[in-house]
N, C-alpha and C. Protein backbone atom coordinates (compact mmCIF):
# COMPACT_ATOMS: atom_id res chain seq x y z
N MET A 1 20.86 39.93 99.23
CA MET A 1 22.24 39.76 98.81
C MET A 1 22.98 41.07 99.04
N VAL A 2 24.12 40.95 99.69
CA VAL A 2 24.95 42.13 99.98
C VAL A 2 26.24 42.00 99.19
N GLY A 3 26.61 43.04 98.48
CA GLY A 3 27.84 43.02 97.70
C GLY A 3 28.77 44.15 98.11
N GLY A 4 30.07 43.92 97.99
CA GLY A 4 31.06 44.95 98.28
C GLY A 4 31.14 45.32 99.75
N CYS A 5 30.80 44.40 100.62
CA CYS A 5 30.78 44.69 102.05
C CYS A 5 31.87 43.88 102.75
N VAL A 6 32.71 44.56 103.48
CA VAL A 6 33.74 43.90 104.27
C VAL A 6 33.46 44.22 105.73
N ILE A 7 33.33 43.20 106.52
CA ILE A 7 33.01 43.41 107.94
C ILE A 7 34.31 43.41 108.74
N GLY A 8 34.44 44.40 109.61
CA GLY A 8 35.61 44.48 110.48
C GLY A 8 36.60 45.52 109.98
N PRO A 9 37.69 45.66 110.74
CA PRO A 9 38.71 46.64 110.36
C PRO A 9 39.49 46.18 109.14
N PRO A 10 40.25 47.06 108.52
CA PRO A 10 41.06 46.66 107.37
C PRO A 10 42.01 45.53 107.75
N PRO A 11 42.33 44.63 106.82
CA PRO A 11 43.19 43.49 107.15
C PRO A 11 44.66 43.86 107.29
N PHE A 12 45.01 45.10 107.13
CA PHE A 12 46.42 45.53 107.22
C PHE A 12 46.48 46.86 107.96
N ASP A 13 47.65 47.14 108.55
CA ASP A 13 47.84 48.40 109.26
C ASP A 13 48.01 49.53 108.26
N VAL A 14 47.42 50.65 108.59
CA VAL A 14 47.54 51.83 107.74
C VAL A 14 48.24 52.92 108.56
N ALA A 15 49.39 53.35 108.08
CA ALA A 15 50.13 54.40 108.79
C ALA A 15 49.51 55.76 108.49
N VAL A 16 49.23 56.49 109.53
CA VAL A 16 48.63 57.81 109.40
C VAL A 16 49.43 58.75 110.28
N SER A 17 49.68 59.95 109.80
CA SER A 17 50.40 60.92 110.62
C SER A 17 49.62 62.22 110.68
N SER A 18 49.91 62.97 111.70
CA SER A 18 49.27 64.25 111.89
C SER A 18 50.27 65.19 112.54
N LEU A 19 50.14 66.47 112.28
CA LEU A 19 51.05 67.46 112.86
C LEU A 19 50.37 68.18 114.01
N PHE A 20 51.10 68.32 115.11
CA PHE A 20 50.64 69.07 116.25
C PHE A 20 51.58 70.25 116.45
N GLY A 21 51.07 71.29 117.06
CA GLY A 21 52.00 72.24 117.62
C GLY A 21 52.09 73.58 116.96
N PRO A 22 52.92 74.37 117.54
CA PRO A 22 53.67 74.07 118.76
C PRO A 22 52.75 74.06 119.96
N LEU A 23 53.03 73.16 120.89
CA LEU A 23 52.22 73.02 122.10
C LEU A 23 53.05 73.44 123.31
N PRO A 24 52.42 74.02 124.32
CA PRO A 24 53.16 74.37 125.53
C PRO A 24 53.56 73.11 126.29
N THR A 25 54.60 73.23 127.12
CA THR A 25 55.06 72.11 127.93
C THR A 25 53.95 71.64 128.85
N GLY A 26 53.79 70.33 128.95
CA GLY A 26 52.77 69.76 129.82
C GLY A 26 52.16 68.51 129.21
N THR A 27 51.09 68.03 129.82
CA THR A 27 50.39 66.84 129.34
C THR A 27 49.12 67.27 128.62
N HIS A 28 48.94 66.76 127.43
CA HIS A 28 47.78 67.06 126.60
C HIS A 28 47.11 65.75 126.22
N THR A 29 45.90 65.80 125.75
CA THR A 29 45.22 64.61 125.23
C THR A 29 44.70 64.90 123.83
N TYR A 30 44.61 63.87 123.03
CA TYR A 30 44.03 64.01 121.70
C TYR A 30 43.13 62.80 121.44
N GLU A 31 42.17 62.99 120.57
CA GLU A 31 41.21 61.94 120.26
C GLU A 31 41.49 61.35 118.89
N ILE A 32 41.26 60.07 118.76
CA ILE A 32 41.46 59.37 117.49
C ILE A 32 40.09 58.96 116.94
N TYR A 33 39.86 59.30 115.70
CA TYR A 33 38.63 58.94 115.00
C TYR A 33 38.99 58.15 113.76
N GLU A 34 38.14 57.24 113.36
CA GLU A 34 38.32 56.47 112.12
C GLU A 34 37.14 56.75 111.20
N VAL A 35 37.43 56.75 109.91
CA VAL A 35 36.38 56.94 108.91
C VAL A 35 36.45 55.74 107.96
N TYR A 36 35.34 55.00 107.86
CA TYR A 36 35.27 53.84 106.97
C TYR A 36 34.43 54.19 105.75
N GLU A 37 35.04 54.03 104.60
CA GLU A 37 34.36 54.20 103.31
C GLU A 37 33.55 55.48 103.24
N GLY A 38 34.14 56.59 103.69
CA GLY A 38 33.49 57.89 103.56
C GLY A 38 32.33 58.12 104.51
N GLY A 39 32.12 57.23 105.47
CA GLY A 39 31.04 57.41 106.44
C GLY A 39 31.42 58.47 107.47
N PRO A 40 30.57 58.65 108.45
CA PRO A 40 30.87 59.64 109.49
C PRO A 40 32.03 59.17 110.36
N PRO A 41 32.81 60.10 110.91
CA PRO A 41 33.92 59.71 111.79
C PRO A 41 33.41 58.98 113.03
N GLN A 42 34.10 57.91 113.41
CA GLN A 42 33.74 57.14 114.60
C GLN A 42 34.86 57.28 115.63
N PHE A 43 34.49 57.67 116.85
CA PHE A 43 35.45 57.84 117.93
C PHE A 43 36.07 56.49 118.28
N VAL A 44 37.42 56.44 118.40
CA VAL A 44 38.11 55.20 118.74
C VAL A 44 38.70 55.27 120.14
N SER A 45 39.49 56.32 120.42
CA SER A 45 40.11 56.41 121.74
C SER A 45 40.66 57.81 121.99
N THR A 46 41.02 58.05 123.24
CA THR A 46 41.71 59.26 123.64
C THR A 46 43.11 58.87 124.08
N GLN A 47 44.14 59.58 123.60
CA GLN A 47 45.52 59.24 123.90
C GLN A 47 46.21 60.41 124.59
N PRO A 48 47.14 60.11 125.52
CA PRO A 48 47.91 61.18 126.15
C PRO A 48 49.09 61.59 125.27
N LEU A 49 49.49 62.82 125.40
CA LEU A 49 50.65 63.35 124.69
C LEU A 49 51.41 64.23 125.67
N VAL A 50 52.65 63.86 125.98
CA VAL A 50 53.46 64.61 126.93
C VAL A 50 54.48 65.44 126.16
N VAL A 51 54.48 66.74 126.41
CA VAL A 51 55.41 67.66 125.76
C VAL A 51 56.41 68.11 126.82
N SER A 52 57.69 67.87 126.56
CA SER A 52 58.72 68.26 127.52
C SER A 52 59.42 69.54 127.05
N ALA A 53 60.14 70.15 127.96
CA ALA A 53 60.88 71.37 127.62
C ALA A 53 61.97 71.03 126.62
N SER A 54 62.25 71.95 125.74
CA SER A 54 63.28 71.72 124.74
C SER A 54 64.66 71.74 125.40
N ILE A 55 65.55 70.93 124.86
CA ILE A 55 66.91 70.85 125.36
C ILE A 55 67.78 71.73 124.46
N PRO A 56 68.45 72.71 125.03
CA PRO A 56 69.27 73.58 124.18
C PRO A 56 70.43 72.80 123.55
N ALA A 57 70.70 73.08 122.31
CA ALA A 57 71.77 72.42 121.59
C ALA A 57 73.04 73.26 121.66
N LEU A 58 74.17 72.60 121.49
CA LEU A 58 75.44 73.33 121.47
C LEU A 58 75.63 74.00 120.12
N PRO A 59 76.22 75.18 120.10
CA PRO A 59 76.54 75.82 118.82
C PRO A 59 77.64 75.01 118.11
N PRO A 60 77.74 75.13 116.80
CA PRO A 60 78.73 74.35 116.04
C PRO A 60 80.17 74.52 116.55
N SER A 61 80.54 75.73 116.95
CA SER A 61 81.91 75.94 117.43
C SER A 61 82.17 75.14 118.71
N ALA A 62 81.17 75.04 119.59
CA ALA A 62 81.33 74.26 120.81
C ALA A 62 81.40 72.77 120.50
N LEU A 63 80.66 72.31 119.50
CA LEU A 63 80.74 70.90 119.11
C LEU A 63 82.12 70.55 118.56
N ILE A 64 82.69 71.44 117.77
CA ILE A 64 84.03 71.21 117.22
C ILE A 64 85.05 71.18 118.35
N ALA A 65 84.94 72.12 119.30
CA ALA A 65 85.87 72.13 120.43
C ALA A 65 85.73 70.85 121.25
N LEU A 66 84.50 70.41 121.48
CA LEU A 66 84.27 69.17 122.24
C LEU A 66 84.88 67.98 121.51
N ALA A 67 84.77 67.92 120.19
CA ALA A 67 85.35 66.83 119.42
C ALA A 67 86.86 66.81 119.57
N PHE A 68 87.51 67.99 119.52
CA PHE A 68 88.96 68.05 119.69
C PHE A 68 89.38 67.62 121.09
N VAL A 69 88.65 68.04 122.10
CA VAL A 69 88.98 67.66 123.48
C VAL A 69 88.84 66.15 123.65
N LEU A 70 87.75 65.58 123.15
CA LEU A 70 87.56 64.13 123.27
C LEU A 70 88.63 63.36 122.50
N ALA A 71 89.01 63.86 121.33
CA ALA A 71 90.07 63.20 120.55
C ALA A 71 91.38 63.28 121.31
N GLY A 72 91.68 64.43 121.92
CA GLY A 72 92.91 64.57 122.70
C GLY A 72 92.94 63.63 123.89
N VAL A 73 91.83 63.51 124.59
CA VAL A 73 91.76 62.58 125.73
C VAL A 73 91.96 61.15 125.25
N ALA A 74 91.36 60.80 124.12
CA ALA A 74 91.51 59.44 123.58
C ALA A 74 92.96 59.17 123.20
N ILE A 75 93.60 60.11 122.54
CA ILE A 75 95.01 59.93 122.15
C ILE A 75 95.89 59.79 123.39
N PHE A 76 95.68 60.66 124.37
CA PHE A 76 96.45 60.58 125.61
C PHE A 76 96.25 59.22 126.29
N GLY A 77 95.00 58.76 126.32
CA GLY A 77 94.72 57.47 126.95
C GLY A 77 95.36 56.31 126.20
N LEU A 78 95.34 56.35 124.89
CA LEU A 78 95.94 55.28 124.09
C LEU A 78 97.45 55.27 124.26
N ARG A 79 98.07 56.43 124.31
CA ARG A 79 99.53 56.50 124.51
C ARG A 79 99.90 55.97 125.89
N HIS A 80 99.08 56.32 126.87
CA HIS A 80 99.36 55.86 128.23
C HIS A 80 99.25 54.34 128.32
N VAL A 81 98.26 53.78 127.68
CA VAL A 81 98.08 52.31 127.68
C VAL A 81 99.21 51.63 126.92
N ALA A 82 99.65 52.24 125.80
CA ALA A 82 100.70 51.62 124.97
C ALA A 82 102.05 51.66 125.70
N ASN A 83 102.28 52.64 126.56
CA ASN A 83 103.57 52.76 127.26
C ASN A 83 103.64 51.88 128.50
N THR A 84 102.54 51.30 128.92
CA THR A 84 102.58 50.48 130.14
C THR A 84 102.77 49.01 129.82
């Protein structure tokens, strides 16, 4: 007689997260292991991880200027459409 035994994977998805980095730009691989009921880790798969170069962000003053320019273009366009 066997008690407290469940055969197979858990009946529901379990969200797990891990932190990497910082990693250099390029393609890396990582391995996924699962541990059932405190047993030894079991290898599941190897997954690719692509790290791209960072995209520089605009400084706040440039974002404000861009917002004003876009608002001005929109107002000019709306006035032009309303006058035709």
